[in-house]
Amino acid sequence: MTDEPHIRAAIERLQRGDITGLAVLVEAYQIRALRAAFLVTQDKSAAEDIVQAAFVRAYERIGQYDITRPFAPWFLRGVVNDALSSARKSGRHLSLEAAPDSDAAALIDFLRDGAPSPDLVAEASELRAAIQTALRALTPAQRAVVVMRYYLGLSEDEMAAELDAPPGTIKWRLHAARKQLRALLHPFRPKPAWEE
């Protein structure tokens, strides 16, 4: 098991019926879960609702959780699946032309982790805005596989199992998403040394 001892202790408390263990899990995973849900749904309010429901469901189903396995993948897979369902229901897929600047600014604030040096803040802000705009151009299914692969670190086989889709479908979604992201983020790719 790769969970830290305090996470394991919190899960064991929950499995014994002690709800105080939930606070430890919320503190440890809430930000990651919110980011994952938001990246898929593109809706902060929906992401907050999804994560809240995911913690309640984790509490209710903690008896089914296998303590020998890491908690984060088990919990975050459910968050991404719920976010994908929500995104499909809401039909939230915006074209690049429809993405208001205020939404990109809100995401930048939402995703900001720390305060890097001032010269990097402007560069990172521009890149985050470009990534957000590029993610909005993807379908919810494409956003889900990008989040699962690059944010949660799942393999294609794990994604296929979680999304109940054939491995070929997952590969295609990843390929299509990468191709679209590569085209949209081309201006931000570093130039090869021979071009400088």
N, C-alpha and C. Protein backbone atom coordinates (compact mmCIF):
# COMPACT_ATOMS: atom_id res chain seq x y z
N MET A 1 0.84 -1.18 0.00
CA MET A 1 0.00 0.00 0.00
C MET A 1 0.88 1.23 0.00
N THR A 2 0.55 2.21 -0.83
CA THR A 2 1.38 3.39 -0.96
C THR A 2 0.84 4.61 -0.21
N ASP A 3 -0.30 4.49 0.46
CA ASP A 3 -0.84 5.62 1.20
C ASP A 3 0.03 5.92 2.41
N GLU A 4 0.06 7.20 2.77
CA GLU A 4 0.80 7.62 3.95
C GLU A 4 0.09 7.07 5.19
N PRO A 5 0.82 6.93 6.29
CA PRO A 5 0.22 6.35 7.50
C PRO A 5 -1.01 7.11 8.00
N HIS A 6 -1.01 8.43 7.91
CA HIS A 6 -2.18 9.17 8.41
C HIS A 6 -3.41 8.94 7.53
N ILE A 7 -3.21 8.68 6.25
CA ILE A 7 -4.33 8.36 5.35
C ILE A 7 -4.87 6.97 5.71
N ARG A 8 -3.95 6.04 5.88
CA ARG A 8 -4.37 4.69 6.25
C ARG A 8 -5.13 4.70 7.57
N ALA A 9 -4.64 5.45 8.55
CA ALA A 9 -5.31 5.54 9.85
C ALA A 9 -6.71 6.15 9.70
N ALA A 10 -6.83 7.17 8.85
CA ALA A 10 -8.14 7.81 8.63
C ALA A 10 -9.12 6.82 8.01
N ILE A 11 -8.65 6.04 7.03
CA ILE A 11 -9.51 5.05 6.38
C ILE A 11 -9.93 3.98 7.38
N GLU A 12 -8.99 3.54 8.21
CA GLU A 12 -9.33 2.52 9.21
C GLU A 12 -10.36 3.06 10.21
N ARG A 13 -10.24 4.35 10.59
CA ARG A 13 -11.23 4.96 11.48
C ARG A 13 -12.60 4.98 10.81
N LEU A 14 -12.63 5.34 9.54
CA LEU A 14 -13.89 5.36 8.81
C LEU A 14 -14.50 3.95 8.74
N GLN A 15 -13.67 2.98 8.48
CA GLN A 15 -14.17 1.61 8.38
C GLN A 15 -14.72 1.10 9.72
N ARG A 16 -14.26 1.71 10.81
CA ARG A 16 -14.80 1.36 12.14
C ARG A 16 -16.03 2.21 12.48
N GLY A 17 -16.43 3.11 11.57
CA GLY A 17 -17.61 3.94 11.81
C GLY A 17 -17.31 5.31 12.40
N ASP A 18 -16.04 5.67 12.52
CA ASP A 18 -15.64 6.97 13.08
C ASP A 18 -15.53 7.99 11.94
N ILE A 19 -16.50 8.88 11.85
CA ILE A 19 -16.57 9.84 10.75
C ILE A 19 -15.44 10.87 10.77
N THR A 20 -14.71 10.99 11.87
CA THR A 20 -13.63 11.97 11.92
C THR A 20 -12.53 11.66 10.89
N GLY A 21 -12.44 10.44 10.47
CA GLY A 21 -11.45 10.08 9.45
C GLY A 21 -11.73 10.76 8.12
N LEU A 22 -12.98 11.11 7.88
CA LEU A 22 -13.33 11.75 6.61
C LEU A 22 -12.66 13.11 6.46
N ALA A 23 -12.51 13.84 7.54
CA ALA A 23 -11.87 15.16 7.48
C ALA A 23 -10.44 15.06 6.96
N VAL A 24 -9.73 14.03 7.35
CA VAL A 24 -8.36 13.83 6.88
C VAL A 24 -8.36 13.59 5.37
N LEU A 25 -9.29 12.78 4.89
CA LEU A 25 -9.36 12.48 3.46
C LEU A 25 -9.76 13.73 2.66
N VAL A 26 -10.68 14.51 3.18
CA VAL A 26 -11.09 15.74 2.50
C VAL A 26 -9.90 16.68 2.39
N GLU A 27 -9.17 16.85 3.49
CA GLU A 27 -8.00 17.73 3.47
C GLU A 27 -6.94 17.25 2.47
N ALA A 28 -6.76 15.96 2.40
CA ALA A 28 -5.71 15.39 1.55
C ALA A 28 -6.08 15.39 0.06
N TYR A 29 -7.36 15.21 -0.27
CA TYR A 29 -7.72 14.96 -1.66
C TYR A 29 -8.69 15.96 -2.28
N GLN A 30 -9.20 16.89 -1.53
CA GLN A 30 -10.23 17.78 -2.07
C GLN A 30 -9.72 18.63 -3.24
N ILE A 31 -8.56 19.22 -3.13
CA ILE A 31 -8.05 20.09 -4.20
C ILE A 31 -7.83 19.28 -5.48
N ARG A 32 -7.17 18.13 -5.36
CA ARG A 32 -6.94 17.29 -6.55
C ARG A 32 -8.24 16.87 -7.19
N ALA A 33 -9.21 16.49 -6.35
CA ALA A 33 -10.50 16.05 -6.87
C ALA A 33 -11.23 17.20 -7.56
N LEU A 34 -11.20 18.39 -6.96
CA LEU A 34 -11.84 19.55 -7.58
C LEU A 34 -11.21 19.87 -8.93
N ARG A 35 -9.91 19.84 -8.98
CA ARG A 35 -9.22 20.12 -10.25
C ARG A 35 -9.58 19.10 -11.31
N ALA A 36 -9.56 17.82 -10.94
CA ALA A 36 -9.90 16.77 -11.91
C ALA A 36 -11.33 16.94 -12.41
N ALA A 37 -12.27 17.17 -11.49
CA ALA A 37 -13.67 17.32 -11.89
C ALA A 37 -13.86 18.56 -12.75
N PHE A 38 -13.19 19.65 -12.40
CA PHE A 38 -13.33 20.87 -13.18
C PHE A 38 -12.74 20.72 -14.57
N LEU A 39 -11.59 20.06 -14.66
CA LEU A 39 -10.97 19.88 -15.97
C LEU A 39 -11.88 19.10 -16.92
N VAL A 40 -12.67 18.19 -16.39
CA VAL A 40 -13.58 17.41 -17.23
C VAL A 40 -14.87 18.18 -17.50
N THR A 41 -15.47 18.76 -16.46
CA THR A 41 -16.78 19.40 -16.62
C THR A 41 -16.71 20.82 -17.16
N GLN A 42 -15.60 21.51 -16.88
CA GLN A 42 -15.46 22.92 -17.24
C GLN A 42 -16.49 23.78 -16.51
N ASP A 43 -16.94 23.34 -15.35
CA ASP A 43 -17.97 24.03 -14.58
C ASP A 43 -17.60 23.90 -13.10
N LYS A 44 -17.20 25.02 -12.49
CA LYS A 44 -16.72 25.00 -11.11
C LYS A 44 -17.81 24.53 -10.14
N SER A 45 -19.03 25.01 -10.32
CA SER A 45 -20.12 24.61 -9.44
C SER A 45 -20.40 23.11 -9.54
N ALA A 46 -20.45 22.61 -10.76
CA ALA A 46 -20.66 21.17 -10.95
C ALA A 46 -19.52 20.37 -10.34
N ALA A 47 -18.29 20.86 -10.51
CA ALA A 47 -17.13 20.16 -9.95
C ALA A 47 -17.23 20.08 -8.43
N GLU A 48 -17.64 21.18 -7.80
CA GLU A 48 -17.79 21.18 -6.35
C GLU A 48 -18.86 20.20 -5.90
N ASP A 49 -19.98 20.15 -6.61
CA ASP A 49 -21.05 19.20 -6.28
C ASP A 49 -20.58 17.76 -6.45
N ILE A 50 -19.86 17.50 -7.52
CA ILE A 50 -19.36 16.15 -7.81
C ILE A 50 -18.42 15.69 -6.70
N VAL A 51 -17.52 16.56 -6.29
CA VAL A 51 -16.55 16.18 -5.27
C VAL A 51 -17.23 15.98 -3.92
N GLN A 52 -18.16 16.84 -3.59
CA GLN A 52 -18.89 16.67 -2.34
C GLN A 52 -19.61 15.31 -2.32
N ALA A 53 -20.28 15.00 -3.42
CA ALA A 53 -20.99 13.72 -3.52
C ALA A 53 -20.00 12.55 -3.47
N ALA A 54 -18.82 12.73 -4.05
CA ALA A 54 -17.82 11.65 -4.06
C ALA A 54 -17.33 11.36 -2.64
N PHE A 55 -17.14 12.40 -1.83
CA PHE A 55 -16.72 12.15 -0.44
C PHE A 55 -17.82 11.46 0.35
N VAL A 56 -19.06 11.85 0.13
CA VAL A 56 -20.18 11.19 0.81
C VAL A 56 -20.23 9.72 0.39
N ARG A 57 -20.09 9.47 -0.91
CA ARG A 57 -20.13 8.09 -1.41
C ARG A 57 -18.95 7.28 -0.86
N ALA A 58 -17.77 7.91 -0.78
CA ALA A 58 -16.61 7.20 -0.22
C ALA A 58 -16.88 6.82 1.24
N TYR A 59 -17.49 7.72 1.97
CA TYR A 59 -17.84 7.43 3.37
C TYR A 59 -18.82 6.25 3.45
N GLU A 60 -19.84 6.30 2.59
CA GLU A 60 -20.86 5.25 2.61
C GLU A 60 -20.31 3.89 2.16
N ARG A 61 -19.33 3.91 1.27
CA ARG A 61 -18.82 2.66 0.70
C ARG A 61 -17.43 2.27 1.21
N ILE A 62 -16.97 2.93 2.26
CA ILE A 62 -15.61 2.68 2.73
C ILE A 62 -15.42 1.23 3.17
N GLY A 63 -16.50 0.58 3.54
CA GLY A 63 -16.41 -0.84 3.90
C GLY A 63 -16.03 -1.73 2.73
N GLN A 64 -16.31 -1.28 1.51
CA GLN A 64 -15.99 -2.04 0.31
C GLN A 64 -14.56 -1.76 -0.17
N TYR A 65 -13.94 -0.72 0.38
CA TYR A 65 -12.60 -0.33 -0.05
C TYR A 65 -11.57 -1.33 0.48
N ASP A 66 -10.66 -1.74 -0.39
CA ASP A 66 -9.58 -2.66 -0.04
C ASP A 66 -8.40 -1.85 0.49
N ILE A 67 -8.16 -1.94 1.78
CA ILE A 67 -7.13 -1.13 2.46
C ILE A 67 -5.73 -1.41 1.93
N THR A 68 -5.53 -2.53 1.23
CA THR A 68 -4.21 -2.83 0.71
C THR A 68 -3.90 -2.07 -0.58
N ARG A 69 -4.89 -1.38 -1.11
CA ARG A 69 -4.70 -0.61 -2.35
C ARG A 69 -4.65 0.87 -2.04
N PRO A 70 -3.99 1.68 -2.88
CA PRO A 70 -3.94 3.12 -2.64
C PRO A 70 -5.33 3.75 -2.75
N PHE A 71 -5.59 4.70 -1.90
CA PHE A 71 -6.91 5.33 -1.84
C PHE A 71 -7.13 6.30 -3.01
N ALA A 72 -6.13 7.11 -3.33
CA ALA A 72 -6.30 8.18 -4.32
C ALA A 72 -6.85 7.68 -5.66
N PRO A 73 -6.27 6.65 -6.27
CA PRO A 73 -6.83 6.20 -7.55
C PRO A 73 -8.27 5.72 -7.43
N TRP A 74 -8.58 5.01 -6.36
CA TRP A 74 -9.94 4.52 -6.13
C TRP A 74 -10.92 5.69 -6.04
N PHE A 75 -10.56 6.69 -5.28
CA PHE A 75 -11.43 7.84 -5.08
C PHE A 75 -11.51 8.72 -6.33
N LEU A 76 -10.36 9.03 -6.92
CA LEU A 76 -10.34 9.97 -8.05
C LEU A 76 -10.94 9.38 -9.32
N ARG A 77 -10.89 8.08 -9.49
CA ARG A 77 -11.55 7.45 -10.64
C ARG A 77 -13.05 7.70 -10.58
N GLY A 78 -13.62 7.57 -9.40
CA GLY A 78 -15.04 7.85 -9.23
C GLY A 78 -15.37 9.30 -9.54
N VAL A 79 -14.49 10.21 -9.11
CA VAL A 79 -14.69 11.63 -9.38
C VAL A 79 -14.69 11.88 -10.89
N VAL A 80 -13.72 11.32 -11.59
CA VAL A 80 -13.64 11.53 -13.05
C VAL A 80 -14.85 10.91 -13.75
N ASN A 81 -15.25 9.73 -13.34
CA ASN A 81 -16.43 9.10 -13.96
C ASN A 81 -17.68 9.95 -13.76
N ASP A 82 -17.87 10.48 -12.53
CA ASP A 82 -19.02 11.34 -12.26
C ASP A 82 -18.93 12.64 -13.06
N ALA A 83 -17.73 13.18 -13.17
CA ALA A 83 -17.54 14.41 -13.94
C ALA A 83 -17.86 14.18 -15.41
N LEU A 84 -17.45 13.05 -15.93
CA LEU A 84 -17.74 12.72 -17.33
C LEU A 84 -19.24 12.59 -17.54
N SER A 85 -19.92 11.92 -16.63
CA SER A 85 -21.38 11.80 -16.74
C SER A 85 -22.03 13.17 -16.69
N SER A 86 -21.58 14.01 -15.79
CA SER A 86 -22.13 15.37 -15.67
C SER A 86 -21.89 16.17 -16.94
N ALA A 87 -20.69 16.08 -17.48
CA ALA A 87 -20.36 16.84 -18.69
C ALA A 87 -21.19 16.36 -19.87
N ARG A 88 -21.41 15.06 -19.95
CA ARG A 88 -22.24 14.53 -21.04
C ARG A 88 -23.67 15.03 -20.92
N LYS A 89 -24.20 15.02 -19.69
CA LYS A 89 -25.58 15.47 -19.48
C LYS A 89 -25.75 16.94 -19.78
N SER A 90 -24.76 17.74 -19.40
CA SER A 90 -24.89 19.19 -19.60
C SER A 90 -24.51 19.60 -21.01
N GLY A 91 -23.85 18.70 -21.75
CA GLY A 91 -23.43 19.03 -23.11
C GLY A 91 -22.42 20.16 -23.15
N ARG A 92 -21.62 20.27 -22.08
CA ARG A 92 -20.67 21.37 -21.99
C ARG A 92 -19.46 21.11 -22.87
N HIS A 93 -19.51 21.67 -24.04
CA HIS A 93 -18.42 21.59 -25.02
C HIS A 93 -18.41 22.92 -25.74
N LEU A 94 -17.44 23.73 -25.44
CA LEU A 94 -17.39 25.08 -25.99
C LEU A 94 -16.40 25.16 -27.13
N SER A 95 -16.75 25.93 -28.13
CA SER A 95 -15.79 26.17 -29.19
C SER A 95 -14.78 27.20 -28.70
N LEU A 96 -13.67 27.32 -29.40
CA LEU A 96 -12.67 28.30 -29.00
C LEU A 96 -13.22 29.71 -29.05
N GLU A 97 -14.09 29.98 -30.00
CA GLU A 97 -14.65 31.32 -30.14
C GLU A 97 -15.61 31.65 -29.00
N ALA A 98 -16.21 30.64 -28.38
CA ALA A 98 -17.20 30.88 -27.34
C ALA A 98 -16.60 30.95 -25.94
N ALA A 99 -15.30 30.79 -25.80
CA ALA A 99 -14.68 30.77 -24.48
C ALA A 99 -14.40 32.19 -24.01
N PRO A 100 -15.20 32.69 -23.05
CA PRO A 100 -14.96 34.03 -22.56
C PRO A 100 -13.67 34.12 -21.75
N ASP A 101 -13.01 35.26 -21.85
CA ASP A 101 -11.76 35.46 -21.13
C ASP A 101 -11.93 35.35 -19.62
N SER A 102 -13.10 35.73 -19.11
CA SER A 102 -13.32 35.68 -17.67
C SER A 102 -13.30 34.23 -17.16
N ASP A 103 -13.78 33.27 -17.97
CA ASP A 103 -13.72 31.87 -17.57
C ASP A 103 -12.28 31.40 -17.47
N ALA A 104 -11.46 31.80 -18.42
CA ALA A 104 -10.04 31.41 -18.40
C ALA A 104 -9.37 32.02 -17.17
N ALA A 105 -9.67 33.26 -16.85
CA ALA A 105 -9.08 33.89 -15.68
C ALA A 105 -9.51 33.19 -14.40
N ALA A 106 -10.77 32.78 -14.33
CA ALA A 106 -11.26 32.07 -13.15
C ALA A 106 -10.54 30.74 -12.99
N LEU A 107 -10.30 30.03 -14.11
CA LEU A 107 -9.60 28.76 -14.02
C LEU A 107 -8.17 28.96 -13.57
N ILE A 108 -7.53 30.01 -14.08
CA ILE A 108 -6.15 30.26 -13.68
C ILE A 108 -6.08 30.44 -12.17
N ASP A 109 -7.00 31.20 -11.60
CA ASP A 109 -7.04 31.38 -10.15
C ASP A 109 -7.31 30.06 -9.46
N PHE A 110 -8.19 29.26 -10.02
CA PHE A 110 -8.59 27.99 -9.43
C PHE A 110 -7.44 26.99 -9.43
N LEU A 111 -6.65 26.98 -10.49
CA LEU A 111 -5.58 26.00 -10.63
C LEU A 111 -4.25 26.44 -10.02
N ARG A 112 -4.12 27.69 -9.68
CA ARG A 112 -2.84 28.21 -9.18
C ARG A 112 -2.47 27.51 -7.89
N ASP A 113 -1.26 26.96 -7.85
CA ASP A 113 -0.78 26.23 -6.67
C ASP A 113 -0.01 27.12 -5.71
N GLY A 114 0.94 27.81 -6.20
CA GLY A 114 1.80 28.62 -5.34
C GLY A 114 2.18 29.90 -6.04
N ALA A 115 3.12 30.58 -5.50
CA ALA A 115 3.53 31.85 -6.08
C ALA A 115 4.94 31.73 -6.63
N PRO A 116 5.08 31.38 -7.90
CA PRO A 116 6.42 31.31 -8.48
C PRO A 116 6.97 32.72 -8.67
N SER A 117 8.19 32.81 -9.15
CA SER A 117 8.81 34.11 -9.34
C SER A 117 7.97 34.95 -10.31
N PRO A 118 8.02 36.27 -10.17
CA PRO A 118 7.16 37.15 -10.98
C PRO A 118 7.30 36.95 -12.50
N ASP A 119 8.51 36.70 -12.98
CA ASP A 119 8.68 36.52 -14.42
C ASP A 119 8.00 35.25 -14.91
N LEU A 120 7.92 34.25 -14.05
CA LEU A 120 7.26 33.00 -14.44
C LEU A 120 5.75 33.08 -14.30
N VAL A 121 5.26 33.99 -13.45
CA VAL A 121 3.82 34.10 -13.25
C VAL A 121 3.13 34.47 -14.55
N ALA A 122 3.65 35.47 -15.24
CA ALA A 122 3.04 35.91 -16.50
C ALA A 122 3.09 34.80 -17.55
N GLU A 123 4.23 34.15 -17.64
CA GLU A 123 4.38 33.06 -18.61
C GLU A 123 3.45 31.89 -18.28
N ALA A 124 3.40 31.52 -17.01
CA ALA A 124 2.54 30.42 -16.58
C ALA A 124 1.07 30.78 -16.77
N SER A 125 0.73 32.03 -16.50
CA SER A 125 -0.65 32.48 -16.65
C SER A 125 -1.09 32.36 -18.11
N GLU A 126 -0.24 32.77 -19.00
CA GLU A 126 -0.55 32.68 -20.43
C GLU A 126 -0.69 31.22 -20.87
N LEU A 127 0.21 30.38 -20.38
CA LEU A 127 0.15 28.97 -20.73
C LEU A 127 -1.10 28.30 -20.15
N ARG A 128 -1.43 28.61 -18.89
CA ARG A 128 -2.64 28.04 -18.29
C ARG A 128 -3.88 28.44 -19.08
N ALA A 129 -3.93 29.70 -19.47
CA ALA A 129 -5.09 30.17 -20.23
C ALA A 129 -5.17 29.43 -21.57
N ALA A 130 -4.02 29.22 -22.21
CA ALA A 130 -4.01 28.50 -23.48
C ALA A 130 -4.42 27.04 -23.29
N ILE A 131 -3.96 26.42 -22.22
CA ILE A 131 -4.33 25.04 -21.95
C ILE A 131 -5.82 24.95 -21.67
N GLN A 132 -6.34 25.88 -20.88
CA GLN A 132 -7.77 25.87 -20.57
C GLN A 132 -8.58 26.03 -21.86
N THR A 133 -8.19 26.94 -22.70
CA THR A 133 -8.90 27.15 -23.96
C THR A 133 -8.83 25.90 -24.82
N ALA A 134 -7.66 25.28 -24.85
CA ALA A 134 -7.49 24.06 -25.64
C ALA A 134 -8.35 22.92 -25.07
N LEU A 135 -8.40 22.79 -23.76
CA LEU A 135 -9.22 21.74 -23.14
C LEU A 135 -10.70 21.93 -23.46
N ARG A 136 -11.13 23.18 -23.51
CA ARG A 136 -12.53 23.44 -23.83
C ARG A 136 -12.89 23.00 -25.24
N ALA A 137 -11.92 22.97 -26.10
CA ALA A 137 -12.17 22.57 -27.48
C ALA A 137 -12.37 21.06 -27.61
N LEU A 138 -11.98 20.31 -26.58
CA LEU A 138 -12.13 18.86 -26.61
C LEU A 138 -13.55 18.48 -26.19
N THR A 139 -13.96 17.28 -26.59
CA THR A 139 -15.24 16.75 -26.13
C THR A 139 -15.08 16.33 -24.66
N PRO A 140 -16.18 16.17 -23.93
CA PRO A 140 -16.05 15.68 -22.55
C PRO A 140 -15.33 14.33 -22.47
N ALA A 141 -15.58 13.45 -23.41
CA ALA A 141 -14.91 12.14 -23.39
C ALA A 141 -13.40 12.29 -23.58
N GLN A 142 -13.01 13.21 -24.46
CA GLN A 142 -11.58 13.45 -24.67
C GLN A 142 -10.96 14.09 -23.43
N ARG A 143 -11.67 15.05 -22.82
CA ARG A 143 -11.15 15.67 -21.60
C ARG A 143 -10.98 14.62 -20.51
N ALA A 144 -11.93 13.70 -20.41
CA ALA A 144 -11.85 12.67 -19.38
C ALA A 144 -10.61 11.80 -19.56
N VAL A 145 -10.31 11.37 -20.77
CA VAL A 145 -9.13 10.51 -20.95
C VAL A 145 -7.84 11.30 -20.73
N VAL A 146 -7.83 12.57 -21.09
CA VAL A 146 -6.64 13.40 -20.83
C VAL A 146 -6.42 13.54 -19.33
N VAL A 147 -7.48 13.82 -18.59
CA VAL A 147 -7.36 13.95 -17.13
C VAL A 147 -6.94 12.62 -16.51
N MET A 148 -7.56 11.54 -16.93
CA MET A 148 -7.23 10.23 -16.35
C MET A 148 -5.79 9.82 -16.66
N ARG A 149 -5.34 10.12 -17.87
CA ARG A 149 -3.98 9.71 -18.26
C ARG A 149 -2.91 10.61 -17.66
N TYR A 150 -3.07 11.91 -17.80
CA TYR A 150 -2.00 12.83 -17.45
C TYR A 150 -2.14 13.46 -16.07
N TYR A 151 -3.33 13.49 -15.53
CA TYR A 151 -3.51 14.05 -14.19
C TYR A 151 -3.55 12.95 -13.14
N LEU A 152 -4.24 11.86 -13.45
CA LEU A 152 -4.33 10.76 -12.50
C LEU A 152 -3.30 9.67 -12.75
N GLY A 153 -2.67 9.67 -13.93
CA GLY A 153 -1.61 8.72 -14.23
C GLY A 153 -2.07 7.31 -14.50
N LEU A 154 -3.30 7.15 -15.00
CA LEU A 154 -3.81 5.81 -15.29
C LEU A 154 -3.29 5.32 -16.63
N SER A 155 -3.14 4.01 -16.74
CA SER A 155 -2.75 3.41 -18.01
C SER A 155 -3.98 3.34 -18.92
N GLU A 156 -3.75 3.06 -20.18
CA GLU A 156 -4.87 2.93 -21.12
C GLU A 156 -5.78 1.77 -20.73
N ASP A 157 -5.20 0.67 -20.25
CA ASP A 157 -6.02 -0.46 -19.81
C ASP A 157 -6.88 -0.09 -18.60
N GLU A 158 -6.29 0.65 -17.66
CA GLU A 158 -7.06 1.08 -16.49
C GLU A 158 -8.20 2.03 -16.90
N MET A 159 -7.91 2.91 -17.85
CA MET A 159 -8.94 3.83 -18.33
C MET A 159 -10.06 3.06 -19.02
N ALA A 160 -9.70 2.06 -19.82
CA ALA A 160 -10.71 1.26 -20.52
C ALA A 160 -11.62 0.57 -19.51
N ALA A 161 -11.03 0.04 -18.44
CA ALA A 161 -11.83 -0.63 -17.42
C ALA A 161 -12.72 0.37 -16.69
N GLU A 162 -12.18 1.52 -16.34
CA GLU A 162 -12.96 2.51 -15.59
C GLU A 162 -14.09 3.12 -16.41
N LEU A 163 -13.83 3.33 -17.69
CA LEU A 163 -14.84 3.97 -18.55
C LEU A 163 -15.70 2.94 -19.27
N ASP A 164 -15.43 1.66 -19.03
CA ASP A 164 -16.19 0.58 -19.66
C ASP A 164 -16.22 0.77 -21.18
N ALA A 165 -15.04 0.97 -21.73
CA ALA A 165 -14.89 1.19 -23.17
C ALA A 165 -13.77 0.29 -23.68
N PRO A 166 -13.84 -0.12 -24.93
CA PRO A 166 -12.77 -0.95 -25.49
C PRO A 166 -11.45 -0.19 -25.50
N PRO A 167 -10.32 -0.89 -25.31
CA PRO A 167 -9.02 -0.23 -25.33
C PRO A 167 -8.78 0.58 -26.61
N GLY A 168 -9.29 0.09 -27.72
CA GLY A 168 -9.12 0.82 -28.98
C GLY A 168 -9.83 2.17 -28.95
N THR A 169 -10.96 2.24 -28.30
CA THR A 169 -11.69 3.51 -28.17
C THR A 169 -10.89 4.48 -27.32
N ILE A 170 -10.31 3.99 -26.24
CA ILE A 170 -9.50 4.84 -25.37
C ILE A 170 -8.28 5.36 -26.13
N LYS A 171 -7.62 4.47 -26.86
CA LYS A 171 -6.46 4.89 -27.65
C LYS A 171 -6.86 5.95 -28.67
N TRP A 172 -8.00 5.76 -29.31
CA TRP A 172 -8.45 6.73 -30.30
C TRP A 172 -8.75 8.08 -29.66
N ARG A 173 -9.45 8.07 -28.51
CA ARG A 173 -9.77 9.32 -27.82
C ARG A 173 -8.50 10.05 -27.41
N LEU A 174 -7.53 9.31 -26.89
CA LEU A 174 -6.26 9.93 -26.51
C LEU A 174 -5.54 10.49 -27.72
N HIS A 175 -5.52 9.71 -28.80
CA HIS A 175 -4.86 10.17 -30.02
C HIS A 175 -5.51 11.45 -30.54
N ALA A 176 -6.83 11.44 -30.62
CA ALA A 176 -7.54 12.62 -31.13
C ALA A 176 -7.33 13.83 -30.21
N ALA A 177 -7.37 13.60 -28.91
CA ALA A 177 -7.18 14.70 -27.96
C ALA A 177 -5.76 15.26 -28.06
N ARG A 178 -4.77 14.38 -28.12
CA ARG A 178 -3.37 14.83 -28.24
C ARG A 178 -3.15 15.63 -29.52
N LYS A 179 -3.72 15.12 -30.61
CA LYS A 179 -3.56 15.79 -31.90
C LYS A 179 -4.16 17.21 -31.84
N GLN A 180 -5.35 17.31 -31.28
CA GLN A 180 -6.00 18.60 -31.19
C GLN A 180 -5.25 19.53 -30.23
N LEU A 181 -4.82 19.00 -29.10
CA LEU A 181 -4.06 19.82 -28.15
C LEU A 181 -2.73 20.27 -28.74
N ARG A 182 -2.07 19.37 -29.45
CA ARG A 182 -0.79 19.71 -30.08
C ARG A 182 -0.96 20.87 -31.05
N ALA A 183 -2.02 20.83 -31.85
CA ALA A 183 -2.27 21.91 -32.81
C ALA A 183 -2.60 23.21 -32.10
N LEU A 184 -3.42 23.13 -31.06
CA LEU A 184 -3.84 24.34 -30.36
C LEU A 184 -2.73 24.96 -29.51
N LEU A 185 -1.84 24.11 -29.02
CA LEU A 185 -0.77 24.61 -28.15
C LEU A 185 0.56 24.76 -28.88
N HIS A 186 0.55 24.63 -30.18
CA HIS A 186 1.78 24.73 -30.97
C HIS A 186 2.59 26.00 -30.67
N PRO A 187 1.96 27.17 -30.52
CA PRO A 187 2.76 28.37 -30.25
C PRO A 187 3.54 28.31 -28.93
N PHE A 188 3.15 27.42 -28.03
CA PHE A 188 3.80 27.35 -26.73
C PHE A 188 4.88 26.27 -26.65
N ARG A 189 5.03 25.51 -27.71
CA ARG A 189 6.06 24.47 -27.71
C ARG A 189 7.43 25.11 -27.80
N PRO A 190 8.37 24.62 -27.02
CA PRO A 190 9.72 25.19 -27.08
C PRO A 190 10.36 24.94 -28.45
N LYS A 191 11.09 25.92 -28.89
CA LYS A 191 11.78 25.77 -30.18
C LYS A 191 13.01 24.89 -30.00
N PRO A 192 13.29 24.07 -31.01
CA PRO A 192 14.53 23.27 -30.95
C PRO A 192 15.75 24.21 -30.90
N ALA A 193 16.82 23.74 -30.32
CA ALA A 193 18.03 24.56 -30.17
C ALA A 193 18.53 25.06 -31.52
N TRP A 194 18.38 24.26 -32.57
CA TRP A 194 18.90 24.67 -33.87
C TRP A 194 18.08 25.80 -34.49
N GLU A 195 16.85 26.07 -33.99
CA GLU A 195 16.04 27.17 -34.52
C GLU A 195 16.31 28.47 -33.78
N GLU A 196 16.92 28.42 -32.63
CA GLU A 196 17.15 29.65 -31.84
C GLU A 196 18.31 30.43 -32.36
